[in-house]
PDB file of N, CA and C in Angstrom:
ATOM      1  N   GLN A   1      83.903 147.518 -16.980  1.00  0.00           N
ATOM      2  CA  GLN A   1      83.711 147.279 -15.601  1.00  0.00           C
ATOM      3  C   GLN A   1      84.763 148.137 -14.886  1.00  0.00           C
ATOM      4  N   VAL A   2      84.256 148.749 -13.705  1.00  0.00           N
ATOM      5  CA  VAL A   2      85.215 149.618 -12.981  1.00  0.00           C
ATOM      6  C   VAL A   2      85.377 148.379 -11.729  1.00  0.00           C
ATOM      7  N   TYR A   3      86.784 148.354 -11.464  1.00  0.00           N
ATOM      8  CA  TYR A   3      87.105 147.261 -10.667  1.00  0.00           C
ATOM      9  C   TYR A   3      87.735 147.883  -9.134  1.00  0.00           C
ATOM     10  N   VAL A   4      88.251 149.294  -9.725  1.00  0.00           N
ATOM     11  CA  VAL A   4      89.190 149.934  -8.470  1.00  0.00           C
ATOM     12  C   VAL A   4      88.781 151.402  -8.759  1.00  0.00           C
ATOM     13  N   VAL A   5      88.543 152.048  -7.587  1.00  0.00           N
ATOM     14  CA  VAL A   5      87.843 153.345  -7.508  1.00  0.00           C
ATOM     15  C   VAL A   5      88.887 154.183  -6.583  1.00  0.00           C
ATOM     16  N   GLU A   6      89.468 155.189  -6.904  1.00  0.00           N
ATOM     17  CA  GLU A   6      90.133 156.255  -6.141  1.00  0.00           C
ATOM     18  C   GLU A   6      89.296 157.444  -5.763  1.00  0.00           C
ATOM     19  N   SER A   7      89.804 158.022  -4.549  1.00  0.00           N
ATOM     20  CA  SER A   7      89.246 159.295  -4.179  1.00  0.00           C
ATOM     21  C   SER A   7      90.283 159.913  -3.374  1.00  0.00           C
ATOM     22  N   GLY A   8      90.039 161.223  -3.289  1.00  0.00           N
ATOM     23  CA  GLY A   8      90.800 162.312  -2.313  1.00  0.00           C
ATOM     24  C   GLY A   8      91.658 163.231  -2.812  1.00  0.00           C
ATOM     25  N   GLY A   9      91.487 163.000  -4.328  1.00  0.00           N
ATOM     26  CA  GLY A   9      92.326 164.138  -4.951  1.00  0.00           C
ATOM     27  C   GLY A   9      91.952 165.571  -4.638  1.00  0.00           C
ATOM     28  N   GLY A  10      92.784 166.618  -4.890  1.00  0.00           N
ATOM     29  CA  GLY A  10      92.318 167.641  -4.719  1.00  0.00           C
ATOM     30  C   GLY A  10      93.357 168.853  -4.441  1.00  0.00           C
ATOM     31  N   LEU A  11      93.324 170.169  -4.108  1.00  0.00           N
ATOM     32  CA  LEU A  11      94.229 171.124  -4.032  1.00  0.00           C
ATOM     33  C   LEU A  11      94.826 171.335  -2.711  1.00  0.00           C
ATOM     34  N   VAL A  12      96.057 171.190  -2.528  1.00  0.00           N
ATOM     35  CA  VAL A  12      96.556 171.346  -1.259  1.00  0.00           C
ATOM     36  C   VAL A  12      97.733 172.318  -1.231  1.00  0.00           C
ATOM     37  N   ARG A  13      97.901 173.083  -0.019  1.00  0.00           N
ATOM     38  CA  ARG A  13      99.014 174.126   0.052  1.00  0.00           C
ATOM     39  C   ARG A  13     100.275 173.422   0.262  1.00  0.00           C
ATOM     40  N   ALA A  14     101.493 174.036  -0.329  1.00  0.00           N
ATOM     41  CA  ALA A  14     102.825 173.260  -0.128  1.00  0.00           C
ATOM     42  C   ALA A  14     102.970 173.306   1.621  1.00  0.00           C
ATOM     43  N   GLY A  15     103.628 172.240   1.791  1.00  0.00           N
ATOM     44  CA  GLY A  15     103.921 171.889   3.319  1.00  0.00           C
ATOM     45  C   GLY A  15     102.799 171.171   3.812  1.00  0.00           C
ATOM     46  N   GLY A  16     101.750 171.102   3.332  1.00  0.00           N
ATOM     47  CA  GLY A  16     100.388 170.317   3.992  1.00  0.00           C
ATOM     48  C   GLY A  16     100.472 169.093   3.740  1.00  0.00           C
ATOM     49  N   SER A  17      99.289 168.587   4.236  1.00  0.00           N
ATOM     50  CA  SER A  17      99.206 166.884   4.294  1.00  0.00           C
ATOM     51  C   SER A  17      97.835 166.617   3.660  1.00  0.00           C
ATOM     52  N   HIS A  18      97.686 165.631   3.016  1.00  0.00           N
ATOM     53  CA  HIS A  18      96.804 164.972   2.427  1.00  0.00           C
ATOM     54  C   HIS A  18      96.710 163.487   2.234  1.00  0.00           C
ATOM     55  N   ARG A  19      95.556 163.058   2.114  1.00  0.00           N
ATOM     56  CA  ARG A  19      95.411 161.495   2.004  1.00  0.00           C
ATOM     57  C   ARG A  19      94.464 161.007   0.748  1.00  0.00           C
ATOM     58  N   LEU A  20      95.099 160.282   0.199  1.00  0.00           N
ATOM     59  CA  LEU A  20      94.243 159.312  -1.141  1.00  0.00           C
ATOM     60  C   LEU A  20      93.834 158.168  -0.750  1.00  0.00           C
ATOM     61  N   SER A  21      92.721 157.594  -1.039  1.00  0.00           N
ATOM     62  CA  SER A  21      92.252 156.141  -0.843  1.00  0.00           C
ATOM     63  C   SER A  21      92.224 155.362  -2.045  1.00  0.00           C
ATOM     64  N   CYS A  22      92.059 154.229  -2.114  1.00  0.00           N
ATOM     65  CA  CYS A  22      91.888 153.162  -3.295  1.00  0.00           C
ATOM     66  C   CYS A  22      90.976 151.962  -2.665  1.00  0.00           C
ATOM     67  N   ALA A  23      89.762 151.700  -3.399  1.00  0.00           N
ATOM     68  CA  ALA A  23      89.107 150.631  -2.756  1.00  0.00           C
ATOM     69  C   ALA A  23      88.829 149.714  -4.030  1.00  0.00           C
ATOM     70  N   ALA A  24      88.931 148.327  -3.465  1.00  0.00           N
ATOM     71  CA  ALA A  24      88.829 147.479  -4.690  1.00  0.00           C
ATOM     72  C   ALA A  24      86.999 147.157  -4.605  1.00  0.00           C
ATOM     73  N   SER A  25      86.697 146.763  -5.848  1.00  0.00           N
ATOM     74  CA  SER A  25      85.113 146.409  -5.674  1.00  0.00           C
ATOM     75  C   SER A  25      85.197 144.955  -5.120  1.00  0.00           C
ATOM     76  N   GLY A  26      83.740 144.745  -5.186  1.00  0.00           N
ATOM     77  CA  GLY A  26      83.297 143.541  -4.319  1.00  0.00           C
ATOM     78  C   GLY A  26      83.838 142.278  -5.096  1.00  0.00           C
ATOM     79  N   VAL A  27      84.125 142.355  -6.285  1.00  0.00           N
ATOM     80  CA  VAL A  27      84.549 141.181  -7.296  1.00  0.00           C
ATOM     81  C   VAL A  27      85.875 140.912  -7.093  1.00  0.00           C
ATOM     82  N   MET A  28      86.796 141.753  -6.574  1.00  0.00           N
ATOM     83  CA  MET A  28      88.214 141.389  -6.261  1.00  0.00           C
ATOM     84  C   MET A  28      88.515 140.902  -5.349  1.00  0.00           C
ATOM     85  N   HIS A  29      89.678 139.848  -5.486  1.00  0.00           N
ATOM     86  CA  HIS A  29      89.996 139.161  -4.522  1.00  0.00           C
ATOM     87  C   HIS A  29      91.148 138.633  -4.340  1.00  0.00           C
ATOM     88  N   SER A  30      92.116 138.059  -3.461  1.00  0.00           N
ATOM     89  CA  SER A  30      93.328 137.494  -3.490  1.00  0.00           C
ATOM     90  C   SER A  30      94.276 138.671  -4.011  1.00  0.00           C
ATOM     91  N   ILE A  31      94.198 139.804  -3.329  1.00  0.00           N
ATOM     92  CA  ILE A  31      95.179 141.009  -3.570  1.00  0.00           C
ATOM     93  C   ILE A  31      96.544 140.777  -2.989  1.00  0.00           C
ATOM     94  N   ASN A  32      97.496 140.807  -3.825  1.00  0.00           N
ATOM     95  CA  ASN A  32      98.686 140.701  -3.525  1.00  0.00           C
ATOM     96  C   ASN A  32      99.415 142.169  -3.110  1.00  0.00           C
ATOM     97  N   ASP A  33     100.274 142.522  -4.046  1.00  0.00           N
ATOM     98  CA  ASP A  33     100.814 144.064  -3.866  1.00  0.00           C
ATOM     99  C   ASP A  33      99.997 144.916  -4.258  1.00  0.00           C
ATOM    100  N   MET A  34      99.926 146.135  -3.509  1.00  0.00           N
ATOM    101  CA  MET A  34      99.198 147.394  -3.953  1.00  0.00           C
ATOM    102  C   MET A  34     100.198 148.495  -4.071  1.00  0.00           C
ATOM    103  N   GLY A  35      99.831 149.433  -4.644  1.00  0.00           N
ATOM    104  CA  GLY A  35     100.685 150.832  -4.690  1.00  0.00           C
ATOM    105  C   GLY A  35     100.011 152.012  -5.483  1.00  0.00           C
ATOM    106  N   TRP A  36     100.866 152.753  -5.938  1.00  0.00           N
ATOM    107  CA  TRP A  36     100.816 154.007  -6.246  1.00  0.00           C
ATOM    108  C   TRP A  36     101.713 154.242  -7.520  1.00  0.00           C
ATOM    109  N   TYR A  37     101.131 154.840  -8.527  1.00  0.00           N
ATOM    110  CA  TYR A  37     102.073 155.493  -9.643  1.00  0.00           C
ATOM    111  C   TYR A  37     101.487 156.845  -9.518  1.00  0.00           C
ATOM    112  N   ARG A  38     102.282 158.064 -10.101  1.00  0.00           N
ATOM    113  CA  ARG A  38     101.811 159.166 -10.347  1.00  0.00           C
ATOM    114  C   ARG A  38     102.382 159.588 -11.639  1.00  0.00           C
ATOM    115  N   GLN A  39     101.806 160.650 -12.200  1.00  0.00           N
ATOM    116  CA  GLN A  39     102.470 161.086 -13.620  1.00  0.00           C
ATOM    117  C   GLN A  39     102.136 162.542 -13.621  1.00  0.00           C
ATOM    118  N   ALA A  40     103.150 163.577 -13.589  1.00  0.00           N
ATOM    119  CA  ALA A  40     103.034 164.842 -13.712  1.00  0.00           C
ATOM    120  C   ALA A  40     102.977 165.135 -15.148  1.00  0.00           C
ATOM    121  N   LEU A  41     102.368 166.399 -15.456  1.00  0.00           N
ATOM    122  CA  LEU A  41     101.887 166.997 -16.864  1.00  0.00           C
ATOM    123  C   LEU A  41     103.402 166.641 -17.644  1.00  0.00           C
ATOM    124  N   GLY A  42     103.575 166.183 -18.672  1.00  0.00           N
ATOM    125  CA  GLY A  42     104.363 166.163 -19.667  1.00  0.00           C
ATOM    126  C   GLY A  42     105.668 165.190 -19.217  1.00  0.00           C
ATOM    127  N   LYS A  43     105.594 164.515 -17.956  1.00  0.00           N
ATOM    128  CA  LYS A  43     106.634 163.446 -17.579  1.00  0.00           C
ATOM    129  C   LYS A  43     106.149 162.235 -17.528  1.00  0.00           C
ATOM    130  N   GLN A  44     107.071 161.268 -17.471  1.00  0.00           N
ATOM    131  CA  GLN A  44     106.841 159.789 -17.574  1.00  0.00           C
ATOM    132  C   GLN A  44     106.033 159.336 -15.924  1.00  0.00           C
ATOM    133  N   ARG A  45     105.621 158.400 -16.177  1.00  0.00           N
ATOM    134  CA  ARG A  45     104.851 157.801 -14.884  1.00  0.00           C
ATOM    135  C   ARG A  45     105.815 157.269 -13.976  1.00  0.00           C
ATOM    136  N   GLU A  46     105.782 157.507 -12.679  1.00  0.00           N
ATOM    137  CA  GLU A  46     106.685 157.347 -11.744  1.00  0.00           C
ATOM    138  C   GLU A  46     106.138 156.341 -10.623  1.00  0.00           C
ATOM    139  N   LEU A  47     106.648 155.571 -10.035  1.00  0.00           N
ATOM    140  CA  LEU A  47     106.434 154.504  -9.197  1.00  0.00           C
ATOM    141  C   LEU A  47     106.522 155.251  -7.904  1.00  0.00           C
ATOM    142  N   VAL A  48     105.665 155.605  -6.989  1.00  0.00           N
ATOM    143  CA  VAL A  48     105.677 156.144  -5.955  1.00  0.00           C
ATOM    144  C   VAL A  48     105.813 155.182  -4.585  1.00  0.00           C
ATOM    145  N   ALA A  49     104.939 154.475  -4.506  1.00  0.00           N
ATOM    146  CA  ALA A  49     105.105 153.395  -3.388  1.00  0.00           C
ATOM    147  C   ALA A  49     104.618 152.069  -3.769  1.00  0.00           C
ATOM    148  N   THR A  50     104.798 151.139  -2.951  1.00  0.00           N
ATOM    149  CA  THR A  50     104.153 149.732  -2.932  1.00  0.00           C
ATOM    150  C   THR A  50     104.089 149.333  -1.631  1.00  0.00           C
ATOM    151  N   VAL A  51     103.200 148.402  -1.516  1.00  0.00           N
ATOM    152  CA  VAL A  51     103.073 147.578  -0.160  1.00  0.00           C
ATOM    153  C   VAL A  51     102.729 146.332  -0.455  1.00  0.00           C
ATOM    154  N   THR A  52     103.220 145.595   0.260  1.00  0.00           N
ATOM    155  CA  THR A  52     102.946 143.850   0.189  1.00  0.00           C
ATOM    156  C   THR A  52     101.709 143.491   0.958  1.00  0.00           C
ATOM    157  N   ARG A  53     101.361 142.318   0.653  1.00  0.00           N
ATOM    158  CA  ARG A  53     100.128 141.859   1.385  1.00  0.00           C
ATOM    159  C   ARG A  53     100.452 141.775   2.972  1.00  0.00           C
ATOM    160  N   ASP A  54     101.575 141.604   3.400  1.00  0.00           N
ATOM    161  CA  ASP A  54     102.233 141.644   4.723  1.00  0.00           C
ATOM    162  C   ASP A  54     102.356 143.012   5.262  1.00  0.00           C
ATOM    163  N   ASN A  55     102.161 143.896   4.379  1.00  0.00           N
ATOM    164  CA  ASN A  55     102.275 145.406   4.839  1.00  0.00           C
ATOM    165  C   ASN A  55     103.788 145.803   4.928  1.00  0.00           C
ATOM    166  N   ILE A  56     104.676 145.391   4.011  1.00  0.00           N
ATOM    167  CA  ILE A  56     105.900 145.695   3.867  1.00  0.00           C
ATOM    168  C   ILE A  56     105.939 146.946   2.824  1.00  0.00           C
ATOM    169  N   PRO A  57     106.537 148.100   3.185  1.00  0.00           N
ATOM    170  CA  PRO A  57     106.268 149.180   2.007  1.00  0.00           C
ATOM    171  C   PRO A  57     107.635 149.202   1.520  1.00  0.00           C
ATOM    172  N   ASN A  58     107.469 149.761   0.405  1.00  0.00           N
ATOM    173  CA  ASN A  58     108.878 150.550  -0.400  1.00  0.00           C
ATOM    174  C   ASN A  58     108.364 151.938  -0.984  1.00  0.00           C
ATOM    175  N   TYR A  59     109.262 153.070  -1.068  1.00  0.00           N
ATOM    176  CA  TYR A  59     109.008 154.158  -1.297  1.00  0.00           C
ATOM    177  C   TYR A  59     110.199 154.561  -2.446  1.00  0.00           C
ATOM    178  N   ALA A  60     109.678 155.410  -3.161  1.00  0.00           N
ATOM    179  CA  ALA A  60     110.551 156.357  -3.943  1.00  0.00           C
ATOM    180  C   ALA A  60     111.417 156.925  -3.254  1.00  0.00           C
ATOM    181  N   ASP A  61     112.557 157.312  -3.924  1.00  0.00           N
ATOM    182  CA  ASP A  61     113.494 158.308  -3.046  1.00  0.00           C
ATOM    183  C   ASP A  61     112.763 159.806  -3.145  1.00  0.00           C
ATOM    184  N   SER A  62     111.951 160.090  -3.846  1.00  0.00           N
ATOM    185  CA  SER A  62     111.195 161.197  -4.139  1.00  0.00           C
ATOM    186  C   SER A  62     110.218 161.662  -3.117  1.00  0.00           C
ATOM    187  N   VAL A  63     109.907 160.679  -2.408  1.00  0.00           N
ATOM    188  CA  VAL A  63     108.833 160.779  -1.328  1.00  0.00           C
ATOM    189  C   VAL A  63     109.151 159.972   0.034  1.00  0.00           C
ATOM    190  N   LYS A  64     110.160 159.300  -0.053  1.00  0.00           N
ATOM    191  CA  LYS A  64     110.869 158.731   1.294  1.00  0.00           C
ATOM    192  C   LYS A  64     110.621 159.653   2.460  1.00  0.00           C
ATOM    193  N   ASP A  65     110.289 159.318   3.530  1.00  0.00           N
ATOM    194  CA  ASP A  65     110.172 160.203   4.850  1.00  0.00           C
ATOM    195  C   ASP A  65     108.987 161.034   4.760  1.00  0.00           C
ATOM    196  N   ARG A  66     108.204 161.212   3.799  1.00  0.00           N
ATOM    197  CA  ARG A  66     107.180 162.234   3.533  1.00  0.00           C
ATOM    198  C   ARG A  66     105.716 161.371   3.667  1.00  0.00           C
ATOM    199  N   PHE A  67     105.645 160.178   2.678  1.00  0.00           N
ATOM    200  CA  PHE A  67     104.566 159.472   2.462  1.00  0.00           C
ATOM    201  C   PHE A  67     104.480 158.351   3.155  1.00  0.00           C
ATOM    202  N   ILE A  68     103.200 157.786   3.602  1.00  0.00           N
ATOM    203  CA  ILE A  68     103.207 156.417   4.151  1.00  0.00           C
ATOM    204  C   ILE A  68     101.963 155.921   3.603  1.00  0.00           C
ATOM    205  N   ILE A  69     102.265 154.468   3.007  1.00  0.00           N
ATOM    206  CA  ILE A  69     101.187 153.715   2.266  1.00  0.00           C
ATOM    207  C   ILE A  69     100.912 152.986   3.319  1.00  0.00           C
ATOM    208  N   SER A  70      99.740 152.330   3.127  1.00  0.00           N
ATOM    209  CA  SER A  70      98.950 151.646   4.276  1.00  0.00           C
ATOM    210  C   SER A  70      97.991 150.817   3.513  1.00  0.00           C
ATOM    211  N   ARG A  71      97.344 149.474   4.151  1.00  0.00           N
ATOM    212  CA  ARG A  71      96.368 148.822   3.524  1.00  0.00           C
ATOM    213  C   ARG A  71      95.596 148.100   4.751  1.00  0.00           C
ATOM    214  N   ASP A  72      94.297 147.708   4.595  1.00  0.00           N
ATOM    215  CA  ASP A  72      93.548 147.185   5.095  1.00  0.00           C
ATOM    216  C   ASP A  72      93.001 145.850   4.176  1.00  0.00           C
ATOM    217  N   ASN A  73      93.358 144.585   4.814  1.00  0.00           N
ATOM    218  CA  ASN A  73      93.302 143.591   3.682  1.00  0.00           C
ATOM    219  C   ASN A  73      91.741 143.181   4.179  1.00  0.00           C
ATOM    220  N   ALA A  74      91.196 143.389   5.221  1.00  0.00           N
ATOM    221  CA  ALA A  74      89.727 143.075   5.451  1.00  0.00           C
ATOM    222  C   ALA A  74      88.876 143.850   4.580  1.00  0.00           C
ATOM    223  N   LYS A  75      89.183 145.090   4.564  1.00  0.00           N
ATOM    224  CA  LYS A  75      88.331 146.023   3.727  1.00  0.00           C
ATOM    225  C   LYS A  75      88.866 146.090   2.260  1.00  0.00           C
ATOM    226  N   ASN A  76      90.013 145.569   1.813  1.00  0.00           N
ATOM    227  CA  ASN A  76      90.529 145.722   0.396  1.00  0.00           C
ATOM    228  C   ASN A  76      90.638 147.154   0.126  1.00  0.00           C
ATOM    229  N   THR A  77      91.172 147.788   1.069  1.00  0.00           N
ATOM    230  CA  THR A  77      91.255 149.305   0.778  1.00  0.00           C
ATOM    231  C   THR A  77      92.751 149.456   1.059  1.00  0.00           C
ATOM    232  N   MET A  78      93.216 150.626   0.268  1.00  0.00           N
ATOM    233  CA  MET A  78      94.632 150.824   0.599  1.00  0.00           C
ATOM    234  C   MET A  78      94.715 152.578   0.695  1.00  0.00           C
ATOM    235  N   TRP A  79      95.583 153.188   1.314  1.00  0.00           N
ATOM    236  CA  TRP A  79      95.583 154.624   1.649  1.00  0.00           C
ATOM    237  C   TRP A  79      97.258 155.077   1.338  1.00  0.00           C
ATOM    238  N   LEU A  80      97.410 156.157   0.833  1.00  0.00           N
ATOM    239  CA  LEU A  80      98.444 156.922   0.699  1.00  0.00           C
ATOM    240  C   LEU A  80      98.461 158.407   1.345  1.00  0.00           C
ATOM    241  N   GLU A  81      99.169 158.506   2.595  1.00  0.00           N
ATOM    242  CA  GLU A  81      99.253 159.673   3.368  1.00  0.00           C
ATOM    243  C   GLU A  81     100.364 160.504   2.853  1.00  0.00           C
ATOM    244  N   MET A  82     100.190 161.703   2.501  1.00  0.00           N
ATOM    245  CA  MET A  82     101.007 162.603   2.089  1.00  0.00           C
ATOM    246  C   MET A  82     101.582 163.622   2.929  1.00  0.00           C
ATOM    247  N   ARG A  83     102.548 163.665   3.348  1.00  0.00           N
ATOM    248  CA  ARG A  83     102.962 164.965   4.210  1.00  0.00           C
ATOM    249  C   ARG A  83     104.207 165.808   3.587  1.00  0.00           C
ATOM    250  N   SER A  84     103.986 167.198   4.139  1.00  0.00           N
ATOM    251  CA  SER A  84     105.225 168.018   3.781  1.00  0.00           C
ATOM    252  C   SER A  84     105.202 168.024   2.108  1.00  0.00           C
ATOM    253  N   LEU A  85     104.128 168.095   1.471  1.00  0.00           N
ATOM    254  CA  LEU A  85     103.674 168.258  -0.017  1.00  0.00           C
ATOM    255  C   LEU A  85     104.522 169.602  -0.571  1.00  0.00           C
ATOM    256  N   LYS A  86     105.077 169.105  -1.715  1.00  0.00           N
ATOM    257  CA  LYS A  86     105.834 170.155  -2.593  1.00  0.00           C
ATOM    258  C   LYS A  86     105.207 170.413  -4.084  1.00  0.00           C
ATOM    259  N   ALA A  87     105.791 171.440  -4.472  1.00  0.00           N
ATOM    260  CA  ALA A  87     105.198 171.782  -5.954  1.00  0.00           C
ATOM    261  C   ALA A  87     105.516 170.318  -6.841  1.00  0.00           C
ATOM    262  N   ALA A  88     106.479 169.822  -6.538  1.00  0.00           N
ATOM    263  CA  ALA A  88     106.928 168.609  -7.473  1.00  0.00           C
ATOM    264  C   ALA A  88     105.976 167.349  -7.401  1.00  0.00           C
ATOM    265  N   ASP A  89     105.220 167.565  -6.184  1.00  0.00           N
ATOM    266  CA  ASP A  89     104.090 166.178  -5.984  1.00  0.00           C
ATOM    267  C   ASP A  89     103.029 166.519  -6.827  1.00  0.00           C
ATOM    268  N   THR A  90     102.702 167.567  -7.554  1.00  0.00           N
ATOM    269  CA  THR A  90     101.576 167.680  -8.255  1.00  0.00           C
ATOM    270  C   THR A  90     101.666 166.653  -9.508  1.00  0.00           C
ATOM    271  N   ALA A  91     100.520 165.945  -9.613  1.00  0.00           N
ATOM    272  CA  ALA A  91     100.438 164.842 -10.487  1.00  0.00           C
ATOM    273  C   ALA A  91      99.198 164.255 -10.427  1.00  0.00           C
ATOM    274  N   VAL A  92      98.527 163.538 -11.521  1.00  0.00           N
ATOM    275  CA  VAL A  92      97.716 162.543 -11.405  1.00  0.00           C
ATOM    276  C   VAL A  92      98.145 161.419 -10.489  1.00  0.00           C
ATOM    277  N   TYR A  93      97.541 160.847  -9.689  1.00  0.00           N
ATOM    278  CA  TYR A  93      98.012 159.679  -8.867  1.00  0.00           C
ATOM    279  C   TYR A  93      97.043 158.535  -9.267  1.00  0.00           C
ATOM    280  N   TYR A  94      97.836 157.413  -9.588  1.00  0.00           N
ATOM    281  CA  TYR A  94      97.054 156.051  -9.854  1.00  0.00           C
ATOM    282  C   TYR A  94      97.365 154.996  -9.043  1.00  0.00           C
ATOM    283  N   CYS A  95      96.475 154.537  -8.278  1.00  0.00           N
ATOM    284  CA  CYS A  95      96.514 153.453  -7.711  1.00  0.00           C
ATOM    285  C   CYS A  95      96.486 151.977  -8.392  1.00  0.00           C
ATOM    286  N   PHE A  96      97.137 150.976  -8.004  1.00  0.00           N
ATOM    287  CA  PHE A  96      97.041 149.642  -8.628  1.00  0.00           C
ATOM    288  C   PHE A  96      97.010 148.472  -7.505  1.00  0.00           C
ATOM    289  N   MET A  97      96.575 147.390  -7.901  1.00  0.00           N
ATOM    290  CA  MET A  97      96.907 146.281  -7.176  1.00  0.00           C
ATOM    291  C   MET A  97      96.772 144.951  -7.970  1.00  0.00           C
ATOM    292  N   ASN A  98      97.658 144.065  -7.704  1.00  0.00           N
ATOM    293  CA  ASN A  98      97.652 142.840  -8.324  1.00  0.00           C
ATOM    294  C   ASN A  98      96.799 141.914  -7.739  1.00  0.00           C
ATOM    295  N   ALA A  99      95.728 141.472  -8.438  1.00  0.00           N
ATOM    296  CA  ALA A  99      94.531 140.748  -7.886  1.00  0.00           C
ATOM    297  C   ALA A  99      93.778 139.889  -9.020  1.00  0.00           C
ATOM    298  N   ILE A 100      92.829 139.330  -8.311  1.00  0.00           N
ATOM    299  CA  ILE A 100      92.110 138.500  -9.312  1.00  0.00           C
ATOM    300  C   ILE A 100      90.560 139.243  -9.234  1.00  0.00           C
ATOM    301  N   ALA A 101      89.684 139.122 -10.571  1.00  0.00           N
ATOM    302  CA  ALA A 101      88.680 139.853 -10.361  1.00  0.00           C
ATOM    303  C   ALA A 101      87.786 138.507 -10.867  1.00  0.00           C
ATOM    304  N   GLY A 102      86.834 138.245  -9.828  1.00  0.00           N
ATOM    305  CA  GLY A 102      85.883 136.877 -10.093  1.00  0.00           C
ATOM    306  C   GLY A 102      86.817 135.842 -10.463  1.00  0.00           C
ATOM    307  N   PHE A 103      86.408 135.225 -11.843  1.00  0.00           N
ATOM    308  CA  PHE A 103      87.273 133.780 -11.892  1.00  0.00           C
ATOM    309  C   PHE A 103      88.166 134.407 -13.073  1.00  0.00           C
ATOM    310  N   GLY A 104      88.541 135.588 -13.064  1.00  0.00           N
ATOM    311  CA  GLY A 104      89.408 135.913 -14.137  1.00  0.00           C
ATOM    312  C   GLY A 104      90.952 135.972 -14.085  1.00  0.00           C
ATOM    313  N   PRO A 105      91.951 136.135 -14.670  1.00  0.00           N
ATOM    314  CA  PRO A 105      93.177 135.914 -14.653  1.00  0.00           C
ATOM    315  C   PRO A 105      93.912 136.933 -13.424  1.00  0.00           C
ATOM    316  N   ARG A 106      94.834 136.479 -12.969  1.00  0.00           N
ATOM    317  CA  ARG A 106      95.545 137.415 -11.992  1.00  0.00           C
ATOM    318  C   ARG A 106      96.122 138.367 -12.778  1.00  0.00           C
ATOM    319  N   ARG A 107      96.240 139.920 -12.524  1.00  0.00           N
ATOM    320  CA  ARG A 107      96.917 140.806 -12.950  1.00  0.00           C
ATOM    321  C   ARG A 107      96.937 142.113 -11.993  1.00  0.00           C
ATOM    322  N   ASP A 108      97.611 142.976 -13.039  1.00  0.00           N
ATOM    323  CA  ASP A 108      97.515 144.464 -12.375  1.00  0.00           C
ATOM    324  C   ASP A 108      96.055 144.968 -12.760  1.00  0.00           C
ATOM    325  N   TYR A 109      95.341 145.509 -11.627  1.00  0.00           N
ATOM    326  CA  TYR A 109      94.156 146.559 -11.894  1.00  0.00           C
ATOM    327  C   TYR A 109      94.344 147.858 -11.558  1.00  0.00           C
ATOM    328  N   TRP A 110      94.034 148.802 -12.381  1.00  0.00           N
ATOM    329  CA  TRP A 110      94.317 150.297 -12.182  1.00  0.00           C
ATOM    330  C   TRP A 110      93.082 151.080 -11.787  1.00  0.00           C
ATOM    331  N   GLY A 111      93.156 152.102 -10.736  1.00  0.00           N
ATOM    332  CA  GLY A 111      92.167 153.157 -10.607  1.00  0.00           C
ATOM    333  C   GLY A 111      92.047 154.045 -11.604  1.00  0.00           C
ATOM    334  N   GLN A 112      91.145 154.951 -11.799  1.00  0.00           N
ATOM    335  CA  GLN A 112      90.904 155.980 -12.695  1.00  0.00           C
ATOM    336  C   GLN A 112      91.867 157.054 -12.819  1.00  0.00           C
ATOM    337  N   GLY A 113      92.640 157.270 -11.605  1.00  0.00           N
ATOM    338  CA  GLY A 113      93.385 158.377 -11.387  1.00  0.00           C
ATOM    339  C   GLY A 113      92.834 159.410 -10.732  1.00  0.00           C
ATOM    340  N   THR A 114      93.453 160.054  -9.656  1.00  0.00           N
ATOM    341  CA  THR A 114      93.023 161.394  -9.210  1.00  0.00           C
ATOM    342  C   THR A 114      94.073 162.453  -9.086  1.00  0.00           C
ATOM    343  N   GLN A 115      93.818 163.611  -9.479  1.00  0.00           N
ATOM    344  CA  GLN A 115      94.434 164.585  -9.552  1.00  0.00           C
ATOM    345  C   GLN A 115      94.907 165.487  -8.102  1.00  0.00           C
ATOM    346  N   VAL A 116      96.336 165.509  -7.703  1.00  0.00           N
ATOM    347  CA  VAL A 116      96.595 166.213  -6.636  1.00  0.00           C
ATOM    348  C   VAL A 116      97.264 167.377  -7.049  1.00  0.00           C
ATOM    349  N   THR A 117      97.039 168.783  -6.579  1.00  0.00           N
ATOM    350  CA  THR A 117      97.659 169.913  -6.970  1.00  0.00           C
ATOM    351  C   THR A 117      98.404 170.555  -5.804  1.00  0.00           C
ATOM    352  N   VAL A 118      99.476 170.759  -5.774  1.00  0.00           N
ATOM    353  CA  VAL A 118     100.070 171.479  -4.698  1.00  0.00           C
ATOM    354  C   VAL A 118     100.574 172.813  -5.064  1.00  0.00           C
ATOM    355  N   SER A 119      99.876 173.658  -4.298  1.00  0.00           N
ATOM    356  CA  SER A 119     100.146 175.254  -4.180  1.00  0.00           C
ATOM    357  C   SER A 119     100.724 175.777  -3.655  1.00  0.00           C
ATOM    358  N   SER A 120     101.583 176.986  -3.453  1.00  0.00           N
ATOM    359  CA  SER A 120     102.068 177.787  -2.544  1.00  0.00           C
ATOM    360  C   SER A 120     101.186 179.232  -2.624  1.00  0.00           C
TER     361      SER A 120
END
């Protein structure tokens, strides 16, 4: 069953801006930390950003001052605004959230991944 859906991937020119979104299904609730990982081809998965339920963000050094993570707890939705994009930002981006699905256990749930390609 799909619990988390990502959208917004695409081709972006270097120096440009782009936004990704991540939405939880209706069965998800009690969402705590949310965030984004990315994985470039042939590279290890990298933690990009996290945001707490109280909207406290943390960023990897590689995206600090360029990316902004935000969330809407009423809509159970999260966004990643990306600015001043570089070729090194090219990767598959995965959102995640620590949550409960229905009456199941609390754990991390993951989106399907969305490709962001930065070209010049």
